[in-house]
Every structure is written in C-alpha cells, then in structure tokens.
Full PDB file with SEQRES, HELIX, SHEET, SSBOND, CRYST1, ORIGX, SCALE, CONECT and MASTER records, all heavy atoms in Angstrom:
SEQRES   1 A   41  GLY PRO LEU HIS GLN GLU LEU LEU GLU ALA GLY VAL GLU          
SEQRES   2 A   41  VAL VAL LEU CYS PRO LEU ALA VAL LEU ARG ARG GLU HIS          
SEQRES   3 A   41  LEU SER ILE GLY GLY LEU ALA GLY VAL GLY ARG ARG ALA          
SEQRES   4 A   41  LEU ALA                                                      
HELIX    1 AA1 PRO A    2  GLU A    9  1                                   8    
HELIX    2 AA2 ARG A   24  HIS A   26  5                                   3    
HELIX    3 AA3 ILE A   29  LEU A   40  1                                  12    
CRYST1    1.000    1.000    1.000  90.00  90.00  90.00 P 1           1          
ORIGX1      1.000000  0.000000  0.000000        0.00000                         
ORIGX2      0.000000  1.000000  0.000000        0.00000                         
ORIGX3      0.000000  0.000000  1.000000        0.00000                         
SCALE1      1.000000  0.000000  0.000000        0.00000                         
SCALE2      0.000000  1.000000  0.000000        0.00000                         
SCALE3      0.000000  0.000000  1.000000        0.00000                         
ATOM      1  N   GLY A   1     109.227 101.328 112.171  1.00  0.00           N  
ATOM      2  CA  GLY A   1     109.752 100.537 111.060  1.00  0.00           C  
ATOM      3  C   GLY A   1     109.775 101.367 109.793  1.00  0.00           C  
ATOM      4  O   GLY A   1     109.520 102.581 109.805  1.00  0.00           O  
ATOM      5  N   PRO A   2     110.066 100.727 108.663  1.00  0.00           N  
ATOM      6  CA  PRO A   2     110.166 101.477 107.400  1.00  0.00           C  
ATOM      7  C   PRO A   2     108.898 102.238 107.040  1.00  0.00           C  
ATOM      8  O   PRO A   2     108.961 103.378 106.573  1.00  0.00           O  
ATOM      9  CB  PRO A   2     110.473 100.384 106.368  1.00  0.00           C  
ATOM     10  CG  PRO A   2     111.085  99.274 107.153  1.00  0.00           C  
ATOM     11  CD  PRO A   2     110.439  99.305 108.491  1.00  0.00           C  
ATOM     12  N   LEU A   3     107.736 101.617 107.232  1.00  0.00           N  
ATOM     13  CA  LEU A   3     106.488 102.305 106.909  1.00  0.00           C  
ATOM     14  C   LEU A   3     106.293 103.527 107.806  1.00  0.00           C  
ATOM     15  O   LEU A   3     105.883 104.603 107.336  1.00  0.00           O  
ATOM     16  CB  LEU A   3     105.305 101.348 107.050  1.00  0.00           C  
ATOM     17  CG  LEU A   3     103.915 101.958 106.834  1.00  0.00           C  
ATOM     18  CD1 LEU A   3     103.784 102.547 105.439  1.00  0.00           C  
ATOM     19  CD2 LEU A   3     102.827 100.918 107.084  1.00  0.00           C  
ATOM     20  N   HIS A   4     106.581 103.371 109.083  1.00  0.00           N  
ATOM     21  CA  HIS A   4     106.495 104.479 110.037  1.00  0.00           C  
ATOM     22  C   HIS A   4     107.334 105.658 109.562  1.00  0.00           C  
ATOM     23  O   HIS A   4     106.867 106.805 109.496  1.00  0.00           O  
ATOM     24  CB  HIS A   4     106.969 103.970 111.406  1.00  0.00           C  
ATOM     25  CG  HIS A   4     107.043 105.016 112.465  1.00  0.00           C  
ATOM     26  ND1 HIS A   4     108.079 105.061 113.382  1.00  0.00           N  
ATOM     27  CD2 HIS A   4     106.242 106.060 112.761  1.00  0.00           C  
ATOM     28  CE1 HIS A   4     107.886 106.085 114.196  1.00  0.00           C  
ATOM     29  NE2 HIS A   4     106.786 106.701 113.839  1.00  0.00           N  
ATOM     30  N   GLN A   5     108.576 105.385 109.191  1.00  0.00           N  
ATOM     31  CA  GLN A   5     109.475 106.456 108.751  1.00  0.00           C  
ATOM     32  C   GLN A   5     108.995 107.094 107.460  1.00  0.00           C  
ATOM     33  O   GLN A   5     109.033 108.323 107.302  1.00  0.00           O  
ATOM     34  CB  GLN A   5     110.889 105.885 108.567  1.00  0.00           C  
ATOM     35  CG  GLN A   5     111.950 106.934 108.297  1.00  0.00           C  
ATOM     36  CD  GLN A   5     112.085 107.936 109.441  1.00  0.00           C  
ATOM     37  OE1 GLN A   5     111.965 107.582 110.604  1.00  0.00           O  
ATOM     38  NE2 GLN A   5     112.319 109.202 109.082  1.00  0.00           N  
ATOM     39  N   GLU A   6     108.521 106.280 106.542  1.00  0.00           N  
ATOM     40  CA  GLU A   6     108.052 106.808 105.262  1.00  0.00           C  
ATOM     41  C   GLU A   6     106.859 107.744 105.454  1.00  0.00           C  
ATOM     42  O   GLU A   6     106.785 108.810 104.830  1.00  0.00           O  
ATOM     43  CB  GLU A   6     107.643 105.653 104.348  1.00  0.00           C  
ATOM     44  CG  GLU A   6     107.079 106.094 103.011  1.00  0.00           C  
ATOM     45  CD  GLU A   6     106.662 104.918 102.154  1.00  0.00           C  
ATOM     46  OE1 GLU A   6     107.385 103.911 102.133  1.00  0.00           O  
ATOM     47  OE2 GLU A   6     105.600 105.001 101.519  1.00  0.00           O  
ATOM     48  N   LEU A   7     105.930 107.361 106.316  1.00  0.00           N  
ATOM     49  CA  LEU A   7     104.762 108.203 106.552  1.00  0.00           C  
ATOM     50  C   LEU A   7     105.158 109.526 107.204  1.00  0.00           C  
ATOM     51  O   LEU A   7     104.646 110.590 106.841  1.00  0.00           O  
ATOM     52  CB  LEU A   7     103.748 107.456 107.419  1.00  0.00           C  
ATOM     53  CG  LEU A   7     103.073 106.251 106.768  1.00  0.00           C  
ATOM     54  CD1 LEU A   7     102.224 105.501 107.783  1.00  0.00           C  
ATOM     55  CD2 LEU A   7     102.220 106.677 105.578  1.00  0.00           C  
ATOM     56  N   LEU A   8     106.065 109.466 108.183  1.00  0.00           N  
ATOM     57  CA  LEU A   8     106.509 110.697 108.828  1.00  0.00           C  
ATOM     58  C   LEU A   8     107.155 111.638 107.816  1.00  0.00           C  
ATOM     59  O   LEU A   8     106.906 112.854 107.828  1.00  0.00           O  
ATOM     60  CB  LEU A   8     107.488 110.376 109.961  1.00  0.00           C  
ATOM     61  CG  LEU A   8     106.922 109.645 111.182  1.00  0.00           C  
ATOM     62  CD1 LEU A   8     108.041 109.374 112.185  1.00  0.00           C  
ATOM     63  CD2 LEU A   8     105.799 110.453 111.835  1.00  0.00           C  
ATOM     64  N   GLU A   9     107.974 111.098 106.935  1.00  0.00           N  
ATOM     65  CA  GLU A   9     108.642 111.928 105.939  1.00  0.00           C  
ATOM     66  C   GLU A   9     107.647 112.547 104.960  1.00  0.00           C  
ATOM     67  O   GLU A   9     107.901 113.615 104.391  1.00  0.00           O  
ATOM     68  CB  GLU A   9     109.680 111.101 105.181  1.00  0.00           C  
ATOM     69  CG  GLU A   9     110.879 110.710 106.041  1.00  0.00           C  
ATOM     70  CD  GLU A   9     111.822 109.752 105.334  1.00  0.00           C  
ATOM     71  OE1 GLU A   9     111.514 109.361 104.181  1.00  0.00           O  
ATOM     72  OE2 GLU A   9     112.854 109.396 105.929  1.00  0.00           O  
ATOM     73  N   ALA A  10     106.496 111.870 104.788  1.00  0.00           N  
ATOM     74  CA  ALA A  10     105.459 112.388 103.889  1.00  0.00           C  
ATOM     75  C   ALA A  10     104.513 113.350 104.600  1.00  0.00           C  
ATOM     76  O   ALA A  10     103.557 113.832 103.997  1.00  0.00           O  
ATOM     77  CB  ALA A  10     104.673 111.236 103.288  1.00  0.00           C  
ATOM     78  N   GLY A  11     104.763 113.618 105.881  1.00  0.00           N  
ATOM     79  CA  GLY A  11     103.928 114.555 106.612  1.00  0.00           C  
ATOM     80  C   GLY A  11     102.654 113.955 107.166  1.00  0.00           C  
ATOM     81  O   GLY A  11     101.716 114.688 107.504  1.00  0.00           O  
ATOM     82  N   VAL A  12     102.597 112.623 107.293  1.00  0.00           N  
ATOM     83  CA  VAL A  12     101.431 111.943 107.854  1.00  0.00           C  
ATOM     84  C   VAL A  12     101.655 111.720 109.342  1.00  0.00           C  
ATOM     85  O   VAL A  12     102.718 111.228 109.755  1.00  0.00           O  
ATOM     86  CB  VAL A  12     101.175 110.591 107.147  1.00  0.00           C  
ATOM     87  CG1 VAL A  12     100.027 109.842 107.814  1.00  0.00           C  
ATOM     88  CG2 VAL A  12     100.888 110.814 105.666  1.00  0.00           C  
ATOM     89  N   GLU A  13     100.670 112.061 110.150  1.00  0.00           N  
ATOM     90  CA  GLU A  13     100.798 111.859 111.589  1.00  0.00           C  
ATOM     91  C   GLU A  13     100.642 110.374 111.926  1.00  0.00           C  
ATOM     92  O   GLU A  13      99.720 109.710 111.447  1.00  0.00           O  
ATOM     93  CB  GLU A  13      99.739 112.665 112.338  1.00  0.00           C  
ATOM     94  CG  GLU A  13      99.886 112.611 113.857  1.00  0.00           C  
ATOM     95  CD  GLU A  13      98.860 113.437 114.592  1.00  0.00           C  
ATOM     96  OE1 GLU A  13      97.999 114.068 113.917  1.00  0.00           O  
ATOM     97  OE2 GLU A  13      98.915 113.469 115.831  1.00  0.00           O  
ATOM     98  N   VAL A  14     101.540 109.867 112.776  1.00  0.00           N  
ATOM     99  CA  VAL A  14     101.542 108.449 113.141  1.00  0.00           C  
ATOM    100  C   VAL A  14     101.574 108.321 114.657  1.00  0.00           C  
ATOM    101  O   VAL A  14     102.328 109.014 115.337  1.00  0.00           O  
ATOM    102  CB  VAL A  14     102.755 107.710 112.533  1.00  0.00           C  
ATOM    103  CG1 VAL A  14     102.729 106.238 112.911  1.00  0.00           C  
ATOM    104  CG2 VAL A  14     102.782 107.867 111.014  1.00  0.00           C  
ATOM    105  N   VAL A  15     100.762 107.406 115.171  1.00  0.00           N  
ATOM    106  CA  VAL A  15     100.763 107.050 116.589  1.00  0.00           C  
ATOM    107  C   VAL A  15     101.171 105.593 116.695  1.00  0.00           C  
ATOM    108  O   VAL A  15     100.675 104.736 115.950  1.00  0.00           O  
ATOM    109  CB  VAL A  15      99.370 107.259 117.211  1.00  0.00           C  
ATOM    110  CG1 VAL A  15      99.331 106.732 118.645  1.00  0.00           C  
ATOM    111  CG2 VAL A  15      98.980 108.729 117.175  1.00  0.00           C  
ATOM    112  N   LEU A  16     102.104 105.290 117.598  1.00  0.00           N  
ATOM    113  CA  LEU A  16     102.531 103.909 117.825  1.00  0.00           C  
ATOM    114  C   LEU A  16     101.775 103.344 119.014  1.00  0.00           C  
ATOM    115  O   LEU A  16     101.711 103.973 120.076  1.00  0.00           O  
ATOM    116  CB  LEU A  16     104.038 103.843 118.066  1.00  0.00           C  
ATOM    117  CG  LEU A  16     104.925 104.326 116.908  1.00  0.00           C  
ATOM    118  CD1 LEU A  16     106.386 104.229 117.293  1.00  0.00           C  
ATOM    119  CD2 LEU A  16     104.662 103.512 115.644  1.00  0.00           C  
ATOM    120  N   CYS A  17     101.194 102.149 118.825  1.00  0.00           N  
ATOM    121  CA  CYS A  17     100.395 101.538 119.885  1.00  0.00           C  
ATOM    122  C   CYS A  17     100.397 100.033 119.673  1.00  0.00           C  
ATOM    123  O   CYS A  17     100.122  99.563 118.559  1.00  0.00           O  
ATOM    124  CB  CYS A  17      98.965 102.082 119.835  1.00  0.00           C  
ATOM    125  SG  CYS A  17      97.803 101.253 120.929  1.00  0.00           S  
ATOM    126  N   PRO A  18     100.710  99.213 120.687  1.00  0.00           N  
ATOM    127  CA  PRO A  18     100.623  97.754 120.532  1.00  0.00           C  
ATOM    128  C   PRO A  18      99.203  97.363 120.115  1.00  0.00           C  
ATOM    129  O   PRO A  18      98.227  97.786 120.735  1.00  0.00           O  
ATOM    130  CB  PRO A  18     100.965  97.225 121.928  1.00  0.00           C  
ATOM    131  CG  PRO A  18     101.711  98.335 122.587  1.00  0.00           C  
ATOM    132  CD  PRO A  18     101.131  99.610 122.040  1.00  0.00           C  
ATOM    133  N   LEU A  19      99.092  96.566 119.054  1.00  0.00           N  
ATOM    134  CA  LEU A  19      97.786  96.232 118.503  1.00  0.00           C  
ATOM    135  C   LEU A  19      97.540  94.732 118.536  1.00  0.00           C  
ATOM    136  O   LEU A  19      98.472  93.925 118.429  1.00  0.00           O  
ATOM    137  CB  LEU A  19      97.676  96.725 117.058  1.00  0.00           C  
ATOM    138  CG  LEU A  19      97.721  98.240 116.827  1.00  0.00           C  
ATOM    139  CD1 LEU A  19      97.771  98.544 115.336  1.00  0.00           C  
ATOM    140  CD2 LEU A  19      96.522  98.914 117.470  1.00  0.00           C  
ATOM    141  N   ALA A  20      96.268  94.360 118.654  1.00  0.00           N  
ATOM    142  CA  ALA A  20      95.866  92.961 118.523  1.00  0.00           C  
ATOM    143  C   ALA A  20      95.812  92.626 117.036  1.00  0.00           C  
ATOM    144  O   ALA A  20      95.022  93.204 116.284  1.00  0.00           O  
ATOM    145  CB  ALA A  20      94.497  92.755 119.165  1.00  0.00           C  
ATOM    146  N   VAL A  21      96.691  91.711 116.612  1.00  0.00           N  
ATOM    147  CA  VAL A  21      96.775  91.336 115.200  1.00  0.00           C  
ATOM    148  C   VAL A  21      96.676  89.825 115.095  1.00  0.00           C  
ATOM    149  O   VAL A  21      97.395  89.089 115.783  1.00  0.00           O  
ATOM    150  CB  VAL A  21      98.095  91.831 114.572  1.00  0.00           C  
ATOM    151  CG1 VAL A  21      98.184  91.398 113.118  1.00  0.00           C  
ATOM    152  CG2 VAL A  21      98.198  93.352 114.675  1.00  0.00           C  
ATOM    153  N   LEU A  22      95.778  89.351 114.259  1.00  0.00           N  
ATOM    154  CA  LEU A  22      95.594  87.917 114.051  1.00  0.00           C  
ATOM    155  C   LEU A  22      96.662  87.410 113.094  1.00  0.00           C  
ATOM    156  O   LEU A  22      96.761  87.869 111.952  1.00  0.00           O  
ATOM    157  CB  LEU A  22      94.203  87.671 113.466  1.00  0.00           C  
ATOM    158  CG  LEU A  22      93.804  86.218 113.223  1.00  0.00           C  
ATOM    159  CD1 LEU A  22      93.650  85.472 114.534  1.00  0.00           C  
ATOM    160  CD2 LEU A  22      92.505  86.157 112.417  1.00  0.00           C  
ATOM    161  N   ARG A  23      97.475  86.468 113.549  1.00  0.00           N  
ATOM    162  CA  ARG A  23      98.495  85.848 112.708  1.00  0.00           C  
ATOM    163  C   ARG A  23      98.090  84.413 112.382  1.00  0.00           C  
ATOM    164  O   ARG A  23      97.161  83.871 112.976  1.00  0.00           O  
ATOM    165  CB  ARG A  23      99.852  85.838 113.426  1.00  0.00           C  
ATOM    166  CG  ARG A  23     100.336  87.217 113.861  1.00  0.00           C  
ATOM    167  CD  ARG A  23     100.626  88.111 112.691  1.00  0.00           C  
ATOM    168  NE  ARG A  23     101.133  89.427 113.110  1.00  0.00           N  
ATOM    169  CZ  ARG A  23     101.207  90.473 112.312  1.00  0.00           C  
ATOM    170  NH1 ARG A  23     100.823  90.382 111.053  1.00  0.00           N  
ATOM    171  NH2 ARG A  23     101.661  91.624 112.765  1.00  0.00           N  
ATOM    172  N   ARG A  24      98.816  83.796 111.462  1.00  0.00           N  
ATOM    173  CA  ARG A  24      98.464  82.436 111.061  1.00  0.00           C  
ATOM    174  C   ARG A  24      98.533  81.457 112.233  1.00  0.00           C  
ATOM    175  O   ARG A  24      97.764  80.497 112.286  1.00  0.00           O  
ATOM    176  CB  ARG A  24      99.381  81.958 109.919  1.00  0.00           C  
ATOM    177  CG  ARG A  24      99.015  82.599 108.600  1.00  0.00           C  
ATOM    178  CD  ARG A  24      99.858  82.077 107.447  1.00  0.00           C  
ATOM    179  NE  ARG A  24      99.332  82.637 106.200  1.00  0.00           N  
ATOM    180  CZ  ARG A  24      98.432  82.049 105.434  1.00  0.00           C  
ATOM    181  NH1 ARG A  24      97.959  80.875 105.772  1.00  0.00           N  
ATOM    182  NH2 ARG A  24      97.994  82.624 104.332  1.00  0.00           N  
ATOM    183  N   GLU A  25      99.427  81.704 113.171  1.00  0.00           N  
ATOM    184  CA  GLU A  25      99.510  80.801 114.321  1.00  0.00           C  
ATOM    185  C   GLU A  25      98.310  80.923 115.235  1.00  0.00           C  
ATOM    186  O   GLU A  25      98.123  80.096 116.140  1.00  0.00           O  
ATOM    187  CB  GLU A  25     100.798  81.065 115.107  1.00  0.00           C  
ATOM    188  CG  GLU A  25     100.978  82.485 115.600  1.00  0.00           C  
ATOM    189  CD  GLU A  25     101.800  83.350 114.659  1.00  0.00           C  
ATOM    190  OE1 GLU A  25     101.755  83.091 113.428  1.00  0.00           O  
ATOM    191  OE2 GLU A  25     102.477  84.266 115.143  1.00  0.00           O  
ATOM    192  N   HIS A  26      97.470  81.947 115.016  1.00  0.00           N  
ATOM    193  CA  HIS A  26      96.272  82.136 115.839  1.00  0.00           C  
ATOM    194  C   HIS A  26      95.019  81.556 115.201  1.00  0.00           C  
ATOM    195  O   HIS A  26      93.933  81.718 115.748  1.00  0.00           O  
ATOM    196  CB  HIS A  26      96.036  83.626 116.094  1.00  0.00           C  
ATOM    197  CG  HIS A  26      97.168  84.329 116.747  1.00  0.00           C  
ATOM    198  ND1 HIS A  26      97.569  85.597 116.383  1.00  0.00           N  
ATOM    199  CD2 HIS A  26      98.015  83.940 117.741  1.00  0.00           C  
ATOM    200  CE1 HIS A  26      98.616  85.959 117.124  1.00  0.00           C  
ATOM    201  NE2 HIS A  26      98.903  84.984 117.951  1.00  0.00           N  
ATOM    202  N   LEU A  27      95.162  80.927 114.009  1.00  0.00           N  
ATOM    203  CA  LEU A  27      93.977  80.526 113.259  1.00  0.00           C  
ATOM    204  C   LEU A  27      93.357  79.250 113.839  1.00  0.00           C  
ATOM    205  O   LEU A  27      93.399  78.172 113.251  1.00  0.00           O  
ATOM    206  CB  LEU A  27      94.332  80.336 111.783  1.00  0.00           C  
ATOM    207  CG  LEU A  27      94.813  81.605 111.083  1.00  0.00           C  
ATOM    208  CD1 LEU A  27      94.989  81.364 109.594  1.00  0.00           C  
ATOM    209  CD2 LEU A  27      93.871  82.767 111.319  1.00  0.00           C  
ATOM    210  N   SER A  28      92.792  79.399 115.017  1.00  0.00           N  
ATOM    211  CA  SER A  28      92.057  78.330 115.689  1.00  0.00           C  
ATOM    212  C   SER A  28      91.056  79.008 116.614  1.00  0.00           C  
ATOM    213  O   SER A  28      91.135  80.224 116.869  1.00  0.00           O  
ATOM    214  CB  SER A  28      92.998  77.442 116.500  1.00  0.00           C  
ATOM    215  OG  SER A  28      93.577  78.182 117.568  1.00  0.00           O  
ATOM    216  N   ILE A  29      90.119  78.239 117.139  1.00  0.00           N  
ATOM    217  CA  ILE A  29      89.136  78.820 118.051  1.00  0.00           C  
ATOM    218  C   ILE A  29      89.835  79.439 119.258  1.00  0.00           C  
ATOM    219  O   ILE A  29      89.553  80.567 119.666  1.00  0.00           O  
ATOM    220  CB  ILE A  29      88.117  77.762 118.493  1.00  0.00           C  
ATOM    221  CG1 ILE A  29      87.348  77.225 117.279  1.00  0.00           C  
ATOM    222  CG2 ILE A  29      87.161  78.342 119.523  1.00  0.00           C  
ATOM    223  CD1 ILE A  29      86.462  78.218 116.604  1.00  0.00           C  
ATOM    224  N   GLY A  30      90.779  78.693 119.861  1.00  0.00           N  
ATOM    225  CA  GLY A  30      91.499  79.204 121.018  1.00  0.00           C  
ATOM    226  C   GLY A  30      92.353  80.412 120.681  1.00  0.00           C  
ATOM    227  O   GLY A  30      92.416  81.372 121.452  1.00  0.00           O  
ATOM    228  N   GLY A  31      93.006  80.372 119.529  1.00  0.00           N  
ATOM    229  CA  GLY A  31      93.835  81.500 119.124  1.00  0.00           C  
ATOM    230  C   GLY A  31      93.023  82.755 118.903  1.00  0.00           C  
ATOM    231  O   GLY A  31      93.422  83.855 119.291  1.00  0.00           O  
ATOM    232  N   LEU A  32      91.846  82.596 118.290  1.00  0.00           N  
ATOM    233  CA  LEU A  32      90.981  83.748 118.071  1.00  0.00           C  
ATOM    234  C   LEU A  32      90.530  84.355 119.390  1.00  0.00           C  
ATOM    235  O   LEU A  32      90.444  85.578 119.529  1.00  0.00           O  
ATOM    236  CB  LEU A  32      89.755  83.334 117.255  1.00  0.00           C  
ATOM    237  CG  LEU A  32      89.984  83.061 115.772  1.00  0.00           C  
ATOM    238  CD1 LEU A  32      88.693  82.569 115.131  1.00  0.00           C  
ATOM    239  CD2 LEU A  32      90.483  84.300 115.062  1.00  0.00           C  
ATOM    240  N   ALA A  33      90.244  83.490 120.373  1.00  0.00           N  
ATOM    241  CA  ALA A  33      89.786  84.002 121.669  1.00  0.00           C  
ATOM    242  C   ALA A  33      90.873  84.846 122.329  1.00  0.00           C  
ATOM    243  O   ALA A  33      90.610  85.919 122.890  1.00  0.00           O  
ATOM    244  CB  ALA A  33      89.379  82.844 122.568  1.00  0.00           C  
ATOM    245  N   GLY A  34      92.143  84.391 122.255  1.00  0.00           N  
ATOM    246  CA  GLY A  34      93.237  85.138 122.855  1.00  0.00           C  
ATOM    247  C   GLY A  34      93.451  86.484 122.192  1.00  0.00           C  
ATOM    248  O   GLY A  34      93.640  87.508 122.863  1.00  0.00           O  
ATOM    249  N   VAL A  35      93.401  86.512 120.864  1.00  0.00           N  
ATOM    250  CA  VAL A  35      93.567  87.772 120.155  1.00  0.00           C  
ATOM    251  C   VAL A  35      92.384  88.699 120.432  1.00  0.00           C  
ATOM    252  O   VAL A  35      92.534  89.918 120.552  1.00  0.00           O  
ATOM    253  CB  VAL A  35      93.719  87.521 118.641  1.00  0.00           C  
ATOM    254  CG1 VAL A  35      93.804  88.841 117.882  1.00  0.00           C  
ATOM    255  CG2 VAL A  35      94.964  86.696 118.365  1.00  0.00           C  
ATOM    256  N   GLY A  36      91.194  88.105 120.570  1.00  0.00           N  
ATOM    257  CA  GLY A  36      90.014  88.903 120.887  1.00  0.00           C  
ATOM    258  C   GLY A  36      90.159  89.627 122.210  1.00  0.00           C  
ATOM    259  O   GLY A  36      89.737  90.792 122.348  1.00  0.00           O  
ATOM    260  N   ARG A  37      90.751  88.960 123.194  1.00  0.00           N  
ATOM    261  CA  ARG A  37      90.953  89.612 124.499  1.00  0.00           C  
ATOM    262  C   ARG A  37      91.905  90.793 124.355  1.00  0.00           C  
ATOM    263  O   ARG A  37      91.712  91.843 124.968  1.00  0.00           O  
ATOM    264  CB  ARG A  37      91.491  88.598 125.510  1.00  0.00           C  
ATOM    265  CG  ARG A  37      90.446  87.600 125.985  1.00  0.00           C  
ATOM    266  CD  ARG A  37      90.943  86.803 127.164  1.00  0.00           C  
ATOM    267  NE  ARG A  37      92.063  85.933 126.820  1.00  0.00           N  
ATOM    268  CZ  ARG A  37      91.928  84.673 126.384  1.00  0.00           C  
ATOM    269  NH1 ARG A  37      90.714  84.156 126.212  1.00  0.00           N  
ATOM    270  NH2 ARG A  37      92.981  83.948 126.106  1.00  0.00           N  
ATOM    271  N   ARG A  38      92.938  90.626 123.524  1.00  0.00           N  
ATOM    272  CA  ARG A  38      93.858  91.748 123.318  1.00  0.00           C  
ATOM    273  C   ARG A  38      93.177  92.885 122.567  1.00  0.00           C  
ATOM    274  O   ARG A  38      93.480  94.062 122.784  1.00  0.00           O  
ATOM    275  CB  ARG A  38      95.102  91.270 122.564  1.00  0.00           C  
ATOM    276  CG  ARG A  38      96.013  90.383 123.419  1.00  0.00           C  
ATOM    277  CD  ARG A  38      97.373  90.195 122.787  1.00  0.00           C  
ATOM    278  NE  ARG A  38      97.303  89.373 121.588  1.00  0.00           N  
ATOM    279  CZ  ARG A  38      97.316  88.049 121.590  1.00  0.00           C  
ATOM    280  NH1 ARG A  38      97.361  87.394 122.737  1.00  0.00           N  
ATOM    281  NH2 ARG A  38      97.271  87.372 120.465  1.00  0.00           N  
ATOM    282  N   ALA A  39      92.242  92.543 121.683  1.00  0.00           N  
ATOM    283  CA  ALA A  39      91.508  93.586 120.964  1.00  0.00           C  
ATOM    284  C   ALA A  39      90.674  94.419 121.923  1.00  0.00           C  
ATOM    285  O   ALA A  39      90.558  95.647 121.763  1.00  0.00           O  
ATOM    286  CB  ALA A  39      90.616  92.958 119.900  1.00  0.00           C  
ATOM    287  N   LEU A  40      90.096  93.773 122.916  1.00  0.00           N  
ATOM    288  CA  LEU A  40      89.315  94.518 123.897  1.00  0.00           C  
ATOM    289  C   LEU A  40      90.210  95.477 124.679  1.00  0.00           C  
ATOM    290  O   LEU A  40      89.801  96.582 125.035  1.00  0.00           O  
ATOM    291  CB  LEU A  40      88.599  93.559 124.838  1.00  0.00           C  
ATOM    292  CG  LEU A  40      87.476  92.730 124.199  1.00  0.00           C  
ATOM    293  CD1 LEU A  40      86.913  91.737 125.209  1.00  0.00           C  
ATOM    294  CD2 LEU A  40      86.378  93.637 123.669  1.00  0.00           C  
ATOM    295  N   ALA A  41      91.447  95.039 124.941  1.00  0.00           N  
ATOM    296  CA  ALA A  41      92.390  95.924 125.633  1.00  0.00           C  
ATOM    297  C   ALA A  41      92.737  97.133 124.765  1.00  0.00           C  
ATOM    298  O   ALA A  41      93.009  98.224 125.276  1.00  0.00           O  
ATOM    299  CB  ALA A  41      93.656  95.150 125.991  1.00  0.00           C  
TER     300      ALA A  41                                                      
MASTER        0    0    0    3    0    0    0    6  299    1    0    4          
END                                                                             
C-alpha cells in the first residue's frame, strides 16, 4: 500500500506478512478470542 511504497523509497526494509489485527468488529469476548488465535499463528 502507500505506506509500504513510501518506506521502500526512503530506504527502509519492509517485510509483508498477514497480521492479527483487532478491529472494531472484534470488540467482544468472542472476537478477541478469534484474533488471539491468529496472533498465535
């Protein structure tokens, strides 16, 4: 994305990797548990 491109142009090394990210739709006990499992991965 734009941030990725900007960092590369500035000479910053970037690695792309699917990440566990908590979004507003996850703000529940069940949602947190699901994101937590992805974090362990």
